[in-house]
Amino acid sequence: MSDNNQSGTQFEVAAIVTAMTDAEKPFVRDTIESILSDLAIGQIVLCIEENNNWIDATLNSLVSDPRLEVIRLPLVPLGAVRNKALNHVRMPWVAYCDGDDVWCNGKTLIQLNHAKATGCDFVGADHYLTNEKGEIRALAPARYIPMPSSWMVKTEIMKQHPFTEAPFSLSQEESGEWWSRTSGIVSKARCPKMLLRYRIRSNSLSNKTPSMQRKAKIVSLANIPVLGTIILLVTWLNWLFTRQDQYIWYTGWGEQSSSLNR
């Protein structure tokens, strides 16, 4: 632990994790374990629905970690959940993660170093696509906008520019709206490394968007032996040749942000 203190990077990031439905129950323990292993994490704010009766049994011994705080909230739009969770954050940086995704080793520590090197207020990362079992099936470059589960932002920035609290039926739109609204205001950098395992689930709300439908199709095809190897290779080559440290502005923002090919 002393080595981490000497590095000056320990305990600078708070993670806000959303697990507001029973659908996250099979996955949230893996999510929390991956976050607790990150050396930059000093706090985790886990958001659950106010009537949740399974979280303690699911997390088991993890609930005793002093960095973990569980807050119970009514079932409101995702943007509202994240905004309320931000009130509990004590760290200078905040990172977001859905309760079914998994961070790769050292995610926020890598991003924190990238942020300090670039002087930016926001760092996103690229991601793997996994099937429901968590098996990697493809790579995604996230050239236009990173998946929210890979976001790391200065806490003061999120307080100045909170998420929109859209109706629940539009709960997957708040990240794209925030991205567009803060263009030219928040300095954003892409860390072109695979730092997130994004889980494709059949019953996920996000699967209703065209972008997620494409991802689900890729993962479905990649579950087929031999074809899966080809898809993994092709997506790796695509990622390899599109790596850069800046995001590309998507000309269709405001018209069809939900269908972005991330």
C-alpha atoms as a PDB file:
ATOM      1  CA  MET A   1       0.000   0.000   0.000  1.00  0.00           C
ATOM      2  CA  SER A   2       2.880   2.364   0.691  1.00  0.00           C
ATOM      3  CA  ASP A   3       4.012   2.032  -2.921  1.00  0.00           C
ATOM      4  CA  ASN A   4       0.603   3.167  -4.090  1.00  0.00           C
ATOM      5  CA  ASN A   5       0.667   6.146  -1.747  1.00  0.00           C
ATOM      6  CA  GLN A   6       4.061   7.154  -3.110  1.00  0.00           C
ATOM      7  CA  SER A   7       2.671   7.091  -6.634  1.00  0.00           C
ATOM      8  CA  GLY A   8       0.166   9.777  -5.665  1.00  0.00           C
ATOM      9  CA  THR A   9      -2.593   8.024  -7.592  1.00  0.00           C
ATOM     10  CA  GLN A  10      -4.361   6.022  -4.914  1.00  0.00           C
ATOM     11  CA  PHE A  11      -7.888   6.918  -3.845  1.00  0.00           C
ATOM     12  CA  GLU A  12      -8.618   9.701  -6.331  1.00  0.00           C
ATOM     13  CA  VAL A  13     -11.628   8.140  -8.056  1.00  0.00           C
ATOM     14  CA  ALA A  14     -15.154   7.338  -6.914  1.00  0.00           C
ATOM     15  CA  ALA A  15     -17.189   4.802  -8.859  1.00  0.00           C
ATOM     16  CA  ILE A  16     -20.938   5.203  -9.318  1.00  0.00           C
ATOM     17  CA  VAL A  17     -22.482   1.813 -10.068  1.00  0.00           C
ATOM     18  CA  THR A  18     -26.113   1.443 -11.113  1.00  0.00           C
ATOM     19  CA  ALA A  19     -27.922  -1.845 -10.436  1.00  0.00           C
ATOM     20  CA  MET A  20     -31.519  -0.672 -10.278  1.00  0.00           C
ATOM     21  CA  THR A  21     -33.251  -3.829 -11.525  1.00  0.00           C
ATOM     22  CA  ASP A  22     -33.223  -7.538 -10.736  1.00  0.00           C
ATOM     23  CA  ALA A  23     -31.599  -8.152 -14.125  1.00  0.00           C
ATOM     24  CA  GLU A  24     -28.232  -7.077 -12.673  1.00  0.00           C
ATOM     25  CA  LYS A  25     -28.377  -9.613  -9.840  1.00  0.00           C
ATOM     26  CA  PRO A  26     -26.299 -12.348 -11.586  1.00  0.00           C
ATOM     27  CA  PHE A  27     -23.563  -9.887 -12.588  1.00  0.00           C
ATOM     28  CA  VAL A  28     -23.193  -7.136 -10.008  1.00  0.00           C
ATOM     29  CA  ARG A  29     -20.765  -9.040  -7.778  1.00  0.00           C
ATOM     30  CA  ASP A  30     -18.314  -9.390 -10.682  1.00  0.00           C
ATOM     31  CA  THR A  31     -18.769  -5.669 -11.372  1.00  0.00           C
ATOM     32  CA  ILE A  32     -17.984  -4.640  -7.791  1.00  0.00           C
ATOM     33  CA  GLU A  33     -15.015  -7.015  -7.551  1.00  0.00           C
ATOM     34  CA  SER A  34     -13.467  -5.541 -10.688  1.00  0.00           C
ATOM     35  CA  ILE A  35     -13.862  -2.011  -9.321  1.00  0.00           C
ATOM     36  CA  LEU A  36     -12.515  -2.806  -5.861  1.00  0.00           C
ATOM     37  CA  SER A  37      -9.352  -4.206  -7.448  1.00  0.00           C
ATOM     38  CA  ASP A  38      -8.546  -0.855  -9.069  1.00  0.00           C
ATOM     39  CA  LEU A  39      -5.825   0.971  -7.128  1.00  0.00           C
ATOM     40  CA  ALA A  40      -7.258   4.435  -7.870  1.00  0.00           C
ATOM     41  CA  ILE A  41     -10.682   3.666  -6.394  1.00  0.00           C
ATOM     42  CA  GLY A  42     -11.321   5.230  -3.008  1.00  0.00           C
ATOM     43  CA  GLN A  43     -15.107   5.038  -2.990  1.00  0.00           C
ATOM     44  CA  ILE A  44     -17.930   3.084  -4.614  1.00  0.00           C
ATOM     45  CA  VAL A  45     -21.498   4.376  -4.587  1.00  0.00           C
ATOM     46  CA  LEU A  46     -23.751   1.468  -5.501  1.00  0.00           C
ATOM     47  CA  CYS A  47     -27.271   2.521  -6.507  1.00  0.00           C
ATOM     48  CA  ILE A  48     -30.039  -0.026  -6.017  1.00  0.00           C
ATOM     49  CA  GLU A  49     -33.828   0.136  -6.124  1.00  0.00           C
ATOM     50  CA  GLU A  50     -35.336   1.055  -2.757  1.00  0.00           C
ATOM     51  CA  ASN A  51     -37.106  -2.304  -2.317  1.00  0.00           C
ATOM     52  CA  ASN A  52     -34.103  -4.444  -3.275  1.00  0.00           C
ATOM     53  CA  ASN A  53     -33.891  -7.501  -0.987  1.00  0.00           C
ATOM     54  CA  TRP A  54     -30.994  -9.418  -2.548  1.00  0.00           C
ATOM     55  CA  ILE A  55     -27.989  -7.121  -2.599  1.00  0.00           C
ATOM     56  CA  ASP A  56     -26.414  -8.172   0.724  1.00  0.00           C
ATOM     57  CA  ALA A  57     -26.624 -11.886  -0.068  1.00  0.00           C
ATOM     58  CA  THR A  58     -25.326 -11.312  -3.599  1.00  0.00           C
ATOM     59  CA  LEU A  59     -22.310  -9.245  -2.584  1.00  0.00           C
ATOM     60  CA  ASN A  60     -21.709 -11.272   0.579  1.00  0.00           C
ATOM     61  CA  SER A  61     -18.329 -10.305   2.106  1.00  0.00           C
ATOM     62  CA  LEU A  62     -17.871  -7.390  -0.291  1.00  0.00           C
ATOM     63  CA  VAL A  63     -20.427  -5.313   1.637  1.00  0.00           C
ATOM     64  CA  SER A  64     -17.924  -4.982   4.492  1.00  0.00           C
ATOM     65  CA  ASP A  65     -15.406  -3.094   2.356  1.00  0.00           C
ATOM     66  CA  PRO A  66     -15.287   0.457   3.783  1.00  0.00           C
ATOM     67  CA  ARG A  67     -15.107   1.939   0.286  1.00  0.00           C
ATOM     68  CA  LEU A  68     -18.551   0.594  -0.638  1.00  0.00           C
ATOM     69  CA  GLU A  69     -21.671   2.658   0.049  1.00  0.00           C
ATOM     70  CA  VAL A  70     -25.083   1.331  -0.938  1.00  0.00           C
ATOM     71  CA  ILE A  71     -27.844   3.868  -1.550  1.00  0.00           C
ATOM     72  CA  ARG A  72     -31.469   2.981  -2.155  1.00  0.00           C
ATOM     73  CA  LEU A  73     -33.441   5.031  -4.651  1.00  0.00           C
ATOM     74  CA  PRO A  74     -36.856   4.901  -6.305  1.00  0.00           C
ATOM     75  CA  LEU A  75     -36.969   3.641  -9.875  1.00  0.00           C
ATOM     76  CA  VAL A  76     -36.312   6.889 -11.725  1.00  0.00           C
ATOM     77  CA  PRO A  77     -34.496   7.735 -14.990  1.00  0.00           C
ATOM     78  CA  LEU A  78     -30.858   6.662 -15.115  1.00  0.00           C
ATOM     79  CA  GLY A  79     -29.669  10.261 -15.358  1.00  0.00           C
ATOM     80  CA  ALA A  80     -31.523  11.103 -12.136  1.00  0.00           C
ATOM     81  CA  VAL A  81     -29.994   8.073 -10.380  1.00  0.00           C
ATOM     82  CA  ARG A  82     -26.474   9.116 -11.341  1.00  0.00           C
ATOM     83  CA  ASN A  83     -27.106  12.729 -10.350  1.00  0.00           C
ATOM     84  CA  LYS A  84     -28.345  11.690  -6.900  1.00  0.00           C
ATOM     85  CA  ALA A  85     -25.361   9.380  -6.460  1.00  0.00           C
ATOM     86  CA  LEU A  86     -23.014  12.259  -7.281  1.00  0.00           C
ATOM     87  CA  ASN A  87     -24.115  13.976  -4.064  1.00  0.00           C
ATOM     88  CA  HIS A  88     -22.353  11.174  -2.158  1.00  0.00           C
ATOM     89  CA  VAL A  89     -19.057  11.411  -4.062  1.00  0.00           C
ATOM     90  CA  ARG A  90     -16.038  12.640  -2.071  1.00  0.00           C
ATOM     91  CA  MET A  91     -13.299  11.995  -4.636  1.00  0.00           C
ATOM     92  CA  PRO A  92     -12.007  14.530  -7.226  1.00  0.00           C
ATOM     93  CA  TRP A  93     -12.815  12.129 -10.077  1.00  0.00           C
ATOM     94  CA  VAL A  94     -15.911  10.022 -10.718  1.00  0.00           C
ATOM     95  CA  ALA A  95     -16.246   6.952 -12.944  1.00  0.00           C
ATOM     96  CA  TYR A  96     -19.468   5.263 -13.991  1.00  0.00           C
ATOM     97  CA  CYS A  97     -20.296   1.605 -14.439  1.00  0.00           C
ATOM     98  CA  ASP A  98     -23.482  -0.330 -15.104  1.00  0.00           C
ATOM     99  CA  GLY A  99     -24.119  -3.233 -12.765  1.00  0.00           C
ATOM    100  CA  ASP A 100     -23.582  -5.871 -15.443  1.00  0.00           C
ATOM    101  CA  ASP A 101     -20.305  -4.602 -16.938  1.00  0.00           C
ATOM    102  CA  VAL A 102     -16.772  -5.415 -15.773  1.00  0.00           C
ATOM    103  CA  TRP A 103     -13.714  -3.166 -15.670  1.00  0.00           C
ATOM    104  CA  CYS A 104     -10.404  -4.500 -16.926  1.00  0.00           C
ATOM    105  CA  ASN A 105      -7.402  -4.492 -14.617  1.00  0.00           C
ATOM    106  CA  GLY A 106      -6.218  -1.032 -13.624  1.00  0.00           C
ATOM    107  CA  LYS A 107      -8.900   0.800 -15.612  1.00  0.00           C
ATOM    108  CA  THR A 108      -9.237   4.060 -13.726  1.00  0.00           C
ATOM    109  CA  LEU A 109      -5.576   4.145 -12.732  1.00  0.00           C
ATOM    110  CA  ILE A 110      -4.660   4.010 -16.432  1.00  0.00           C
ATOM    111  CA  GLN A 111      -7.254   6.674 -17.217  1.00  0.00           C
ATOM    112  CA  LEU A 112      -6.086   8.869 -14.367  1.00  0.00           C
ATOM    113  CA  ASN A 113      -2.540   8.827 -15.683  1.00  0.00           C
ATOM    114  CA  HIS A 114      -3.872   9.582 -19.167  1.00  0.00           C
ATOM    115  CA  ALA A 115      -5.885  12.524 -17.836  1.00  0.00           C
ATOM    116  CA  LYS A 116      -2.872  13.971 -16.066  1.00  0.00           C
ATOM    117  CA  ALA A 117      -0.751  13.573 -19.186  1.00  0.00           C
ATOM    118  CA  THR A 118      -3.304  15.282 -21.434  1.00  0.00           C
ATOM    119  CA  GLY A 119      -4.758  17.782 -18.965  1.00  0.00           C
ATOM    120  CA  CYS A 120      -8.317  16.791 -19.890  1.00  0.00           C
ATOM    121  CA  ASP A 121     -11.477  16.768 -17.775  1.00  0.00           C
ATOM    122  CA  PHE A 122     -12.892  13.546 -19.216  1.00  0.00           C
ATOM    123  CA  VAL A 123     -11.325  10.237 -20.264  1.00  0.00           C
ATOM    124  CA  GLY A 124     -13.183   7.457 -22.028  1.00  0.00           C
ATOM    125  CA  ALA A 125     -11.844   4.074 -23.114  1.00  0.00           C
ATOM    126  CA  ASP A 126     -12.445   1.371 -25.690  1.00  0.00           C
ATOM    127  CA  HIS A 127     -14.228  -1.844 -24.824  1.00  0.00           C
ATOM    128  CA  TYR A 128     -14.612  -5.538 -25.436  1.00  0.00           C
ATOM    129  CA  LEU A 129     -17.987  -6.972 -26.330  1.00  0.00           C
ATOM    130  CA  THR A 130     -18.794 -10.040 -24.262  1.00  0.00           C
ATOM    131  CA  ASN A 131     -21.675 -12.475 -24.285  1.00  0.00           C
ATOM    132  CA  GLU A 132     -23.936 -12.902 -21.286  1.00  0.00           C
ATOM    133  CA  LYS A 133     -21.428 -15.279 -19.701  1.00  0.00           C
ATOM    134  CA  GLY A 134     -18.745 -12.595 -19.856  1.00  0.00           C
ATOM    135  CA  GLU A 135     -16.728 -14.259 -22.624  1.00  0.00           C
ATOM    136  CA  ILE A 136     -14.973 -11.813 -24.970  1.00  0.00           C
ATOM    137  CA  ARG A 137     -16.384 -12.019 -28.483  1.00  0.00           C
ATOM    138  CA  ALA A 138     -15.236  -8.794 -30.216  1.00  0.00           C
ATOM    139  CA  LEU A 139     -13.424  -5.479 -29.802  1.00  0.00           C
ATOM    140  CA  ALA A 140     -15.103  -2.085 -30.187  1.00  0.00           C
ATOM    141  CA  PRO A 141     -13.056   1.073 -30.921  1.00  0.00           C
ATOM    142  CA  ALA A 142     -15.607   3.611 -29.565  1.00  0.00           C
ATOM    143  CA  ARG A 143     -14.410   6.308 -31.974  1.00  0.00           C
ATOM    144  CA  TYR A 144     -17.386   8.655 -31.539  1.00  0.00           C
ATOM    145  CA  ILE A 145     -18.531   8.252 -27.947  1.00  0.00           C
ATOM    146  CA  PRO A 146     -17.360   5.792 -25.280  1.00  0.00           C
ATOM    147  CA  MET A 147     -19.722   3.516 -23.407  1.00  0.00           C
ATOM    148  CA  PRO A 148     -20.767   5.202 -20.127  1.00  0.00           C
ATOM    149  CA  SER A 149     -19.278   2.303 -18.150  1.00  0.00           C
ATOM    150  CA  SER A 150     -15.861   3.505 -19.342  1.00  0.00           C
ATOM    151  CA  TRP A 151     -16.348   7.189 -18.445  1.00  0.00           C
ATOM    152  CA  MET A 152     -14.115   8.920 -15.921  1.00  0.00           C
ATOM    153  CA  VAL A 153     -14.791  12.633 -15.339  1.00  0.00           C
ATOM    154  CA  LYS A 154     -13.771  15.322 -12.880  1.00  0.00           C
ATOM    155  CA  THR A 155     -16.418  15.431 -10.170  1.00  0.00           C
ATOM    156  CA  GLU A 156     -16.715  19.205 -10.358  1.00  0.00           C
ATOM    157  CA  ILE A 157     -17.466  18.935 -14.084  1.00  0.00           C
ATOM    158  CA  MET A 158     -20.352  16.530 -13.485  1.00  0.00           C
ATOM    159  CA  LYS A 159     -21.736  18.835 -10.804  1.00  0.00           C
ATOM    160  CA  GLN A 160     -21.603  21.731 -13.232  1.00  0.00           C
ATOM    161  CA  HIS A 161     -23.064  19.660 -16.077  1.00  0.00           C
ATOM    162  CA  PRO A 162     -25.310  16.938 -14.625  1.00  0.00           C
ATOM    163  CA  PHE A 163     -27.109  14.337 -16.687  1.00  0.00           C
ATOM    164  CA  THR A 164     -30.528  15.125 -18.045  1.00  0.00           C
ATOM    165  CA  GLU A 165     -33.274  13.479 -16.029  1.00  0.00           C
ATOM    166  CA  ALA A 166     -35.274  12.246 -18.990  1.00  0.00           C
ATOM    167  CA  PRO A 167     -38.370  10.035 -18.771  1.00  0.00           C
ATOM    168  CA  PHE A 168     -37.618   6.436 -17.859  1.00  0.00           C
ATOM    169  CA  SER A 169     -38.521   5.199 -21.338  1.00  0.00           C
ATOM    170  CA  LEU A 170     -35.567   7.234 -22.637  1.00  0.00           C
ATOM    171  CA  SER A 171     -33.170   6.081 -19.941  1.00  0.00           C
ATOM    172  CA  GLN A 172     -30.490   5.133 -22.441  1.00  0.00           C
ATOM    173  CA  GLU A 173     -30.371   8.584 -24.035  1.00  0.00           C
ATOM    174  CA  GLU A 174     -28.805  10.598 -21.217  1.00  0.00           C
ATOM    175  CA  SER A 175     -25.191   9.820 -22.149  1.00  0.00           C
ATOM    176  CA  GLY A 176     -25.578  10.959 -25.760  1.00  0.00           C
ATOM    177  CA  GLU A 177     -27.437  14.101 -24.695  1.00  0.00           C
ATOM    178  CA  TRP A 178     -24.698  14.947 -22.181  1.00  0.00           C
ATOM    179  CA  TRP A 179     -21.993  14.313 -24.787  1.00  0.00           C
ATOM    180  CA  SER A 180     -23.599  16.651 -27.277  1.00  0.00           C
ATOM    181  CA  ARG A 181     -24.482  19.345 -24.722  1.00  0.00           C
ATOM    182  CA  THR A 182     -20.941  19.540 -23.333  1.00  0.00           C
ATOM    183  CA  SER A 183     -19.218  19.706 -26.724  1.00  0.00           C
ATOM    184  CA  GLY A 184     -16.657  22.500 -26.686  1.00  0.00           C
ATOM    185  CA  ILE A 185     -17.164  22.969 -22.936  1.00  0.00           C
ATOM    186  CA  VAL A 186     -15.625  19.832 -21.427  1.00  0.00           C
ATOM    187  CA  SER A 187     -12.211  18.717 -22.680  1.00  0.00           C
ATOM    188  CA  LYS A 188     -12.501  15.032 -23.571  1.00  0.00           C
ATOM    189  CA  ALA A 189      -9.764  12.527 -24.381  1.00  0.00           C
ATOM    190  CA  ARG A 190      -9.900   8.973 -25.620  1.00  0.00           C
ATOM    191  CA  CYS A 191      -7.648   6.441 -23.953  1.00  0.00           C
ATOM    192  CA  PRO A 192      -7.379   3.944 -26.834  1.00  0.00           C
ATOM    193  CA  LYS A 193      -7.045   0.888 -24.643  1.00  0.00           C
ATOM    194  CA  MET A 194      -9.440  -1.963 -23.923  1.00  0.00           C
ATOM    195  CA  LEU A 195     -10.457  -1.141 -20.359  1.00  0.00           C
ATOM    196  CA  LEU A 196     -14.047  -2.398 -20.219  1.00  0.00           C
ATOM    197  CA  ARG A 197     -15.878  -5.650 -20.773  1.00  0.00           C
ATOM    198  CA  TYR A 198     -19.300  -4.604 -22.009  1.00  0.00           C
ATOM    199  CA  ARG A 199     -21.839  -7.367 -21.495  1.00  0.00           C
ATOM    200  CA  ILE A 200     -24.506  -7.964 -24.140  1.00  0.00           C
ATOM    201  CA  ARG A 201     -27.685  -9.246 -22.477  1.00  0.00           C
ATOM    202  CA  SER A 202     -30.837 -10.353 -24.218  1.00  0.00           C
ATOM    203  CA  ASN A 203     -33.091  -8.463 -21.777  1.00  0.00           C
ATOM    204  CA  SER A 204     -31.113  -5.221 -21.611  1.00  0.00           C
ATOM    205  CA  LEU A 205     -33.009  -1.956 -22.197  1.00  0.00           C
ATOM    206  CA  SER A 206     -30.150  -0.662 -24.333  1.00  0.00           C
ATOM    207  CA  ASN A 207     -30.709  -3.476 -26.840  1.00  0.00           C
ATOM    208  CA  LYS A 208     -33.630  -1.462 -28.208  1.00  0.00           C
ATOM    209  CA  THR A 209     -31.277   1.039 -29.854  1.00  0.00           C
ATOM    210  CA  PRO A 210     -29.879   0.334 -33.363  1.00  0.00           C
ATOM    211  CA  SER A 211     -26.305   0.528 -32.075  1.00  0.00           C
ATOM    212  CA  MET A 212     -26.943  -2.100 -29.416  1.00  0.00           C
ATOM    213  CA  GLN A 213     -28.849  -4.276 -31.856  1.00  0.00           C
ATOM    214  CA  ARG A 214     -25.773  -4.327 -34.088  1.00  0.00           C
ATOM    215  CA  LYS A 215     -23.569  -5.226 -31.151  1.00  0.00           C
ATOM    216  CA  ALA A 216     -25.932  -7.993 -30.111  1.00  0.00           C
ATOM    217  CA  LYS A 217     -25.871  -9.395 -33.643  1.00  0.00           C
ATOM    218  CA  ILE A 218     -22.064  -9.390 -33.691  1.00  0.00           C
ATOM    219  CA  VAL A 219     -21.883 -11.203 -30.368  1.00  0.00           C
ATOM    220  CA  SER A 220     -24.531 -13.708 -31.456  1.00  0.00           C
ATOM    221  CA  LEU A 221     -22.549 -14.545 -34.599  1.00  0.00           C
ATOM    222  CA  ALA A 222     -19.277 -14.619 -32.662  1.00  0.00           C
ATOM    223  CA  ASN A 223     -20.679 -17.313 -30.368  1.00  0.00           C
ATOM    224  CA  ILE A 224     -20.465 -19.671 -33.356  1.00  0.00           C
ATOM    225  CA  PRO A 225     -17.148 -21.603 -33.365  1.00  0.00           C
ATOM    226  CA  VAL A 226     -14.673 -20.638 -36.116  1.00  0.00           C
ATOM    227  CA  LEU A 227     -16.812 -17.631 -37.079  1.00  0.00           C
ATOM    228  CA  GLY A 228     -16.112 -16.274 -33.606  1.00  0.00           C
ATOM    229  CA  THR A 229     -12.360 -16.444 -34.218  1.00  0.00           C
ATOM    230  CA  ILE A 230     -12.744 -14.566 -37.500  1.00  0.00           C
ATOM    231  CA  ILE A 231     -14.875 -11.839 -35.903  1.00  0.00           C
ATOM    232  CA  LEU A 232     -12.414 -11.431 -33.047  1.00  0.00           C
ATOM    233  CA  LEU A 233      -9.526 -11.057 -35.506  1.00  0.00           C
ATOM    234  CA  VAL A 234     -11.374  -8.643 -37.806  1.00  0.00           C
ATOM    235  CA  THR A 235     -12.548  -6.429 -34.944  1.00  0.00           C
ATOM    236  CA  TRP A 236      -9.059  -6.445 -33.431  1.00  0.00           C
ATOM    237  CA  LEU A 237      -7.561  -5.265 -36.728  1.00  0.00           C
ATOM    238  CA  ASN A 238     -10.251  -2.583 -37.026  1.00  0.00           C
ATOM    239  CA  TRP A 239      -9.477  -1.370 -33.505  1.00  0.00           C
ATOM    240  CA  LEU A 240      -5.729  -1.486 -34.140  1.00  0.00           C
ATOM    241  CA  PHE A 241      -5.944   0.787 -37.173  1.00  0.00           C
ATOM    242  CA  THR A 242      -8.444   3.262 -35.710  1.00  0.00           C
ATOM    243  CA  ARG A 243      -6.701   3.970 -32.414  1.00  0.00           C
ATOM    244  CA  GLN A 244      -6.228   7.615 -31.550  1.00  0.00           C
ATOM    245  CA  ASP A 245      -6.486   9.796 -28.454  1.00  0.00           C
ATOM    246  CA  GLN A 246      -9.337  12.017 -29.643  1.00  0.00           C
ATOM    247  CA  TYR A 247     -12.982  11.330 -30.422  1.00  0.00           C
ATOM    248  CA  ILE A 248     -14.509  11.978 -33.840  1.00  0.00           C
ATOM    249  CA  TRP A 249     -17.491  14.302 -33.915  1.00  0.00           C
ATOM    250  CA  TYR A 250     -20.521  12.518 -35.295  1.00  0.00           C
ATOM    251  CA  THR A 251     -22.389  14.728 -37.787  1.00  0.00           C
ATOM    252  CA  GLY A 252     -25.711  13.110 -36.927  1.00  0.00           C
ATOM    253  CA  TRP A 253     -25.751  14.261 -33.309  1.00  0.00           C
ATOM    254  CA  GLY A 254     -29.109  15.643 -32.389  1.00  0.00           C
ATOM    255  CA  GLU A 255     -30.806  13.592 -35.076  1.00  0.00           C
ATOM    256  CA  GLN A 256     -29.993  10.000 -34.274  1.00  0.00           C
ATOM    257  CA  SER A 257     -27.513   9.924 -31.403  1.00  0.00           C
ATOM    258  CA  SER A 258     -29.002   6.724 -30.051  1.00  0.00           C
ATOM    259  CA  SER A 259     -28.071   4.884 -33.241  1.00  0.00           C
ATOM    260  CA  LEU A 260     -24.423   5.869 -33.100  1.00  0.00           C
ATOM    261  CA  ASN A 261     -21.967   3.186 -34.052  1.00  0.00           C
ATOM    262  CA  ARG A 262     -19.800   3.477 -31.000  1.00  0.00           C
END
